[in-house]
Amino acid sequence: MLETDAAVRAGLLRDPHIHNTLEVAGRAETIVSSVGTPSTEHGQYLTAYLSDEDLEYIREQGAVGDICGAYFAFDGSPVPLEMSERSIAMSSEQLSRIPNRVGVNSGAVKPMANIGAARSSLFNVLITAEDTAGKMLDIVDDESPALSPAQQEESSAGS
């Protein structure tokens, strides 16, 4: 949930029901979450919590995706945003302590977000469509330096 004011957030977090809910969530063994992207498909955009300007700002800060409002860059590093001070959600630190963190999604805009989320450790299991996974592999392969013939031979000899 994204509030319009940090003071409202602070007040809501003092509510025992909200506080207890977040506390119980932090003790979970497993979470299942979508991996969001700073696009017009984002749930907070669709519910009018984020505007076009907000999405542009988020992208300008280097964010490629989020899980529960914890934004991250392609390299997995966190992208701190002012809006985090208005969000009521588990923090990335809380999320990363949960043993089983399952990301679920598919689609043309998801490969970069999935890679960033995996690198951030916000999920350790991904359920996605075959074409999305294929695009992820293409992106990662394009990042990898080409192997020399000797390295290729050594790699195939070890298989």
Foldseek 3Di string as FASTA:
>chain_A
DFDPDLVVVVVVCPPVVLVVVQVVVLPAQEDEWAKAALDCVGPCNVVPVADPVNSVVLVVLQFGTDTQPFTWHLQQHTRDDPRVSRHRGHYLVSLLPRNAYEYEDEDDSCLSSVNNCVNNSSHDHYHYDPVSVVVNVVVVVVVDDDDDPVRVVVVVVVD
